N, C-alpha and C. Protein backbone atom coordinates (compact mmCIF):
# COMPACT_ATOMS: atom_id res chain seq x y z
N UNK A 1 10.17 -0.25 -3.06
CA UNK A 1 9.82 0.23 -1.90
C UNK A 1 10.94 0.35 -1.23
N UNK A 2 11.40 -1.09 -0.93
CA UNK A 2 13.15 -0.47 -0.52
C UNK A 2 14.45 0.14 -1.04
N UNK A 3 14.18 0.07 -2.09
CA UNK A 3 15.08 1.14 -2.70
C UNK A 3 14.82 2.89 -2.51
N UNK A 4 13.38 2.86 -2.34
CA UNK A 4 13.24 4.60 -1.43
C UNK A 4 13.48 4.89 0.07
N UNK A 5 13.45 3.70 0.53
CA UNK A 5 13.92 3.65 2.11
C UNK A 5 15.23 3.37 1.79
N UNK A 6 16.07 2.96 0.96
CA UNK A 6 17.45 3.39 1.64
C UNK A 6 17.82 4.61 0.92
N UNK A 7 17.31 4.92 -0.25
CA UNK A 7 17.62 6.55 -0.78
C UNK A 7 17.82 7.91 0.60
N UNK A 8 15.99 7.45 0.91
CA UNK A 8 15.86 8.55 1.91
C UNK A 8 16.52 8.57 3.15
N UNK A 9 17.35 6.85 3.18
CA UNK A 9 18.12 7.10 4.56
C UNK A 9 19.40 7.28 4.15
N UNK A 10 20.10 7.59 3.54
CA UNK A 10 21.36 7.97 2.65
C UNK A 10 21.18 9.44 2.55
N UNK A 11 20.08 9.99 2.15
CA UNK A 11 20.20 11.72 2.12
C UNK A 11 19.55 12.75 2.79
N UNK A 12 18.95 11.51 4.37
CA UNK A 12 18.62 12.44 5.25
C UNK A 12 18.70 12.06 6.31
N UNK A 13 19.39 12.56 7.30
CA UNK A 13 20.19 12.11 8.67
C UNK A 13 18.97 12.08 9.67
N UNK A 14 17.64 12.02 9.41
CA UNK A 14 16.83 12.24 10.37
C UNK A 14 16.15 10.90 10.37
N UNK A 15 17.05 9.88 8.98
CA UNK A 15 15.99 8.54 8.53
C UNK A 15 16.67 7.66 8.79
N UNK A 16 15.99 7.06 9.51
CA UNK A 16 16.57 5.77 10.12
C UNK A 16 15.65 4.06 9.81
N UNK A 17 16.71 3.89 8.62
CA UNK A 17 16.35 2.70 7.98
C UNK A 17 15.35 1.68 9.03
N UNK A 18 16.11 1.24 9.87
CA UNK A 18 15.42 0.25 10.86
C UNK A 18 14.43 0.65 11.89
N UNK A 19 13.52 1.72 11.31
CA UNK A 19 12.94 2.47 12.16
C UNK A 19 11.60 2.70 11.82
N UNK A 20 11.78 2.41 10.62
CA UNK A 20 11.20 2.80 9.47
C UNK A 20 10.45 1.49 8.67
N UNK A 21 8.66 1.28 8.91
CA UNK A 21 7.95 0.96 8.13
C UNK A 21 7.14 0.96 7.14
N UNK A 22 7.25 0.82 5.34
CA UNK A 22 6.83 1.11 4.97
C UNK A 22 5.34 -0.34 4.64
N UNK A 23 4.48 0.48 4.69
CA UNK A 23 3.31 -0.13 4.10
C UNK A 23 2.38 0.12 2.75
N UNK A 24 2.29 -1.19 2.23
CA UNK A 24 2.12 -1.22 0.77
C UNK A 24 1.57 -2.39 0.53
N UNK A 25 0.23 -2.01 0.25
CA UNK A 25 -0.76 -2.98 -0.27
C UNK A 25 0.07 -4.19 -1.90
N UNK A 26 -0.50 -5.15 -1.80
CA UNK A 26 -0.69 -5.53 -2.78
C UNK A 26 -1.97 -6.22 -3.36
N UNK A 27 -2.68 -5.81 -4.47
CA UNK A 27 -3.86 -5.91 -4.74
C UNK A 27 -3.58 -6.90 -5.75
N UNK A 28 -4.17 -7.99 -5.54
CA UNK A 28 -3.99 -9.22 -6.89
C UNK A 28 -5.18 -9.30 -7.77
N UNK A 29 -5.08 -9.47 -9.05
CA UNK A 29 -6.22 -9.43 -10.19
C UNK A 29 -6.38 -10.74 -10.80
N UNK A 30 -7.21 -11.37 -11.27
CA UNK A 30 -7.39 -13.06 -11.57
C UNK A 30 -6.43 -13.20 -12.62
N UNK A 31 -5.87 -12.37 -13.21
CA UNK A 31 -4.74 -12.77 -13.45
C UNK A 31 -3.41 -13.26 -13.21
N UNK A 32 -3.13 -12.89 -11.73
CA UNK A 32 -2.51 -13.23 -10.64
C UNK A 32 -2.55 -14.58 -10.49
N UNK A 33 -4.25 -15.05 -10.50
CA UNK A 33 -4.39 -16.35 -9.51
C UNK A 33 -4.07 -17.37 -10.83
N UNK A 34 -4.65 -16.80 -12.63
CA UNK A 34 -3.99 -18.00 -13.25
C UNK A 34 -2.05 -18.27 -13.39
N UNK A 35 -1.67 -17.05 -12.82
CA UNK A 35 -0.43 -17.55 -13.29
C UNK A 35 0.40 -17.73 -11.62
N UNK A 36 -0.57 -18.53 -10.54
CA UNK A 36 -0.58 -19.05 -9.20
C UNK A 36 0.49 -17.48 -8.21
N UNK A 37 0.79 -16.50 -8.11
CA UNK A 37 0.96 -15.45 -7.85
C UNK A 37 -0.55 -15.62 -6.62
N UNK A 38 -1.86 -16.29 -6.92
CA UNK A 38 -2.45 -15.78 -6.02
C UNK A 38 -3.82 -16.90 -5.86
N UNK A 39 -4.10 -17.19 -4.65
CA UNK A 39 -4.49 -18.70 -4.54
C UNK A 39 -6.31 -18.23 -4.43
N UNK A 40 -7.00 -19.05 -4.74
CA UNK A 40 -8.42 -18.91 -4.49
C UNK A 40 -9.78 -18.10 -3.32
N UNK A 41 -8.20 -18.81 -2.20
CA UNK A 41 -9.27 -17.62 -0.77
C UNK A 41 -8.41 -15.79 -1.03
N UNK A 42 -7.87 -15.72 -2.21
CA UNK A 42 -7.17 -14.63 -2.15
C UNK A 42 -8.33 -13.27 -2.22
N UNK A 43 -8.40 -12.50 -1.75
CA UNK A 43 -9.12 -11.46 -2.44
C UNK A 43 -8.62 -11.17 -3.64
N UNK A 44 -9.37 -10.75 -5.28
CA UNK A 44 -9.22 -10.37 -6.44
C UNK A 44 -9.96 -9.18 -6.81
N UNK A 45 -9.29 -8.52 -7.66
CA UNK A 45 -9.65 -7.62 -8.51
C UNK A 45 -9.70 -7.05 -9.81
N UNK A 46 -10.63 -6.77 -10.66
CA UNK A 46 -10.60 -6.35 -11.97
C UNK A 46 -9.12 -5.92 -12.07
N UNK A 47 -8.49 -5.89 -13.40
CA UNK A 47 -7.25 -5.93 -13.87
C UNK A 47 -6.79 -4.33 -13.12
N UNK A 48 -7.73 -3.64 -13.19
CA UNK A 48 -7.24 -1.82 -12.83
C UNK A 48 -7.85 -1.58 -12.46
N UNK A 49 -9.73 -2.12 -11.71
CA UNK A 49 -10.52 -2.15 -11.12
C UNK A 49 -10.04 -1.43 -9.65
N UNK A 50 -9.20 -1.74 -8.73
CA UNK A 50 -8.61 -1.35 -7.58
C UNK A 50 -8.62 -0.63 -7.39
N UNK A 51 -8.02 0.40 -8.11
CA UNK A 51 -7.29 1.58 -8.48
C UNK A 51 -8.47 2.90 -7.66
N UNK A 52 -9.50 2.63 -8.34
CA UNK A 52 -10.36 3.70 -8.36
C UNK A 52 -11.94 3.28 -7.30
N UNK A 53 -11.52 2.61 -6.23
CA UNK A 53 -12.07 1.81 -5.34
C UNK A 53 -13.00 0.80 -5.42
N UNK A 54 -13.53 -0.17 -6.38
CA UNK A 54 -14.39 -0.69 -6.75
C UNK A 54 -14.52 -2.42 -5.89
N UNK A 55 -14.98 -2.41 -6.09
CA UNK A 55 -15.36 -3.57 -5.32
C UNK A 55 -14.29 -4.76 -5.39
N UNK A 56 -13.71 -6.09 -4.83
CA UNK A 56 -13.35 -7.62 -5.03
C UNK A 56 -14.35 -8.00 -6.00
N UNK A 57 -13.69 -9.15 -7.49
CA UNK A 57 -14.24 -10.15 -7.91
C UNK A 57 -14.41 -11.07 -7.66
N UNK A 58 -13.49 -11.37 -6.77
CA UNK A 58 -13.58 -12.49 -6.29
C UNK A 58 -12.85 -12.55 -5.09
N UNK A 59 -13.28 -13.89 -3.91
CA UNK A 59 -13.69 -15.11 -4.21
C UNK A 59 -16.02 -14.63 -3.80
N UNK A 60 -15.96 -15.35 -4.62
CA UNK A 60 -17.76 -15.26 -4.58
C UNK A 60 -17.98 -14.92 -2.69
N UNK A 61 -19.17 -14.31 -3.10
CA UNK A 61 -19.17 -14.03 -1.26
C UNK A 61 -18.43 -13.16 -0.20
N UNK A 62 -17.78 -12.59 -0.67
CA UNK A 62 -17.32 -11.92 -0.48
C UNK A 62 -17.15 -10.18 -0.84
N UNK A 63 -17.50 -9.05 -0.10
CA UNK A 63 -17.42 -7.81 -0.61
C UNK A 63 -16.71 -6.37 -0.11
N UNK A 64 -15.83 -6.38 -0.61
CA UNK A 64 -14.60 -5.66 0.02
C UNK A 64 -14.22 -4.33 -0.91
N UNK A 65 -14.54 -3.68 -1.20
CA UNK A 65 -13.56 -1.91 -2.61
C UNK A 65 -11.83 -2.50 -1.64
N UNK A 66 -11.01 -1.90 -2.60
CA UNK A 66 -9.56 -2.14 -2.15
C UNK A 66 -9.74 -0.18 -0.97
N UNK A 67 -10.26 0.46 -0.82
CA UNK A 67 -10.55 1.83 -0.43
C UNK A 67 -10.83 0.80 1.23
N UNK A 68 -12.04 0.08 1.36
CA UNK A 68 -12.37 -0.92 2.44
C UNK A 68 -11.19 -1.32 2.78
N UNK A 69 -9.85 -2.17 2.31
CA UNK A 69 -8.70 -2.38 2.36
C UNK A 69 -7.48 -1.15 3.01
N UNK A 70 -7.94 -0.50 2.13
CA UNK A 70 -6.60 0.56 2.57
C UNK A 70 -7.15 1.12 4.13
N UNK A 71 -8.39 1.67 4.50
CA UNK A 71 -9.18 1.77 5.45
C UNK A 71 -8.88 1.21 6.65
N UNK A 72 -8.88 -0.39 6.36
CA UNK A 72 -8.36 -1.50 7.14
C UNK A 72 -7.17 -1.55 8.24
N UNK A 73 -6.04 -1.14 6.81
CA UNK A 73 -4.84 -1.29 7.39
C UNK A 73 -4.56 -0.24 7.68
N UNK A 74 -5.24 0.94 7.34
CA UNK A 74 -4.40 2.64 8.22
C UNK A 74 -5.17 2.61 10.20
N UNK A 75 -6.50 1.71 9.97
CA UNK A 75 -6.46 1.40 11.43
C UNK A 75 -6.20 0.92 11.93
N UNK A 76 -6.06 -0.61 11.43
CA UNK A 76 -4.90 -1.47 12.45
C UNK A 76 -3.24 -0.50 12.97
N UNK A 77 -2.91 -0.01 12.06
CA UNK A 77 -1.64 1.35 12.29
C UNK A 77 -1.65 1.97 13.58
N UNK A 78 -3.13 2.22 13.28
CA UNK A 78 -3.44 3.25 14.50
C UNK A 78 -3.54 2.84 15.88
N UNK A 79 -3.77 2.00 15.83
CA UNK A 79 -3.98 0.20 16.79
C UNK A 79 -3.06 0.45 17.84
N UNK A 80 -3.15 1.60 19.01
CA UNK A 80 -1.95 1.55 20.24
C UNK A 80 -1.83 0.52 20.54
N UNK A 81 -2.90 -0.05 21.14
CA UNK A 81 -2.97 -1.09 21.91
C UNK A 81 -1.67 -2.55 20.85
N UNK A 82 -1.83 -2.74 19.35
CA UNK A 82 -1.17 -3.32 18.64
C UNK A 82 0.04 -2.37 18.16
N UNK A 83 0.55 -1.35 18.00
CA UNK A 83 1.65 -0.84 17.68
C UNK A 83 1.60 0.71 18.81
N UNK A 84 2.16 0.08 19.99
CA UNK A 84 2.46 1.66 21.09
C UNK A 84 3.23 2.04 20.92
N UNK A 85 4.11 1.82 19.92
CA UNK A 85 5.15 3.31 20.06
C UNK A 85 5.53 3.59 18.11
N UNK A 86 4.23 2.93 17.67
CA UNK A 86 4.21 3.58 16.25
C UNK A 86 3.87 5.33 16.33
N UNK A 87 4.83 5.94 15.30
CA UNK A 87 4.95 7.50 15.81
C UNK A 87 4.84 7.47 14.04
N UNK A 88 3.56 8.62 13.81
CA UNK A 88 3.37 8.96 12.20
C UNK A 88 4.08 9.83 11.86
N UNK A 89 4.65 10.07 10.44
CA UNK A 89 5.23 11.58 10.67
C UNK A 89 4.83 11.33 8.86
N UNK A 90 3.54 12.13 8.59
CA UNK A 90 3.42 12.34 7.13
C UNK A 90 4.85 12.99 6.65
N UNK A 91 4.61 11.92 5.29
CA UNK A 91 5.86 13.02 4.16
C UNK A 91 5.06 14.10 3.75
N UNK A 92 5.45 15.33 3.33
CA UNK A 92 5.08 16.21 2.76
C UNK A 92 4.89 15.95 1.16
N UNK A 93 4.07 16.67 0.83
CA UNK A 93 4.23 16.33 -0.53
C UNK A 93 5.14 17.23 -1.58
N UNK A 94 5.76 17.06 -2.53
CA UNK A 94 6.52 18.06 -3.68
C UNK A 94 5.34 18.82 -4.49
N UNK A 95 5.30 20.17 -4.63
CA UNK A 95 4.40 21.26 -5.33
C UNK A 95 5.13 19.82 -7.20
N UNK A 96 3.70 20.46 -7.17
CA UNK A 96 3.61 19.39 -8.61
C UNK A 96 4.85 20.46 -9.68
N UNK A 97 5.42 21.29 -9.63
CA UNK A 97 6.13 22.00 -10.41
C UNK A 97 7.87 21.24 -10.48
N UNK A 98 7.90 21.03 -9.52
CA UNK A 98 9.49 19.61 -9.13
C UNK A 98 9.16 18.12 -9.61
N UNK A 99 8.17 17.83 -9.95
CA UNK A 99 7.63 16.80 -10.54
C UNK A 99 8.45 16.98 -11.69
N UNK A 100 9.13 15.73 -12.48
CA UNK A 100 9.40 15.30 -14.06
C UNK A 100 8.44 14.67 -14.67
N UNK A 101 8.23 15.44 -15.75
CA UNK A 101 6.77 14.96 -16.68
C UNK A 101 6.95 13.95 -16.81
N UNK A 102 7.83 13.30 -16.97
CA UNK A 102 8.06 12.17 -17.14
C UNK A 102 7.85 11.15 -15.92
N UNK A 103 7.29 10.87 -14.64
CA UNK A 103 6.99 10.66 -13.81
C UNK A 103 5.10 11.07 -13.52
N UNK A 104 4.71 11.88 -14.43
CA UNK A 104 3.07 11.58 -14.63
C UNK A 104 2.55 10.80 -15.48
């Protein structure tokens, strides 16, 4: 993520690295708990189920899909009381013919 930001700042005059925040949630899976990267109170997903918006698998008694997490984060960032100076500048997607097939 940080490398992408540095690259964008070096290629585009209007990109100021210190003025940009990159939001990237980390969806922990059960193996992360076993490896010590997650704690028992973290929301955990199946190995690939978070990709398609499935509900979490742990801890017991929680019920949150990965899409719920994304919706919550977006809602938080759009809260002008919390982030009064946030400006959203959507990045246009490249047409698929500009994407090298090795990235697909």
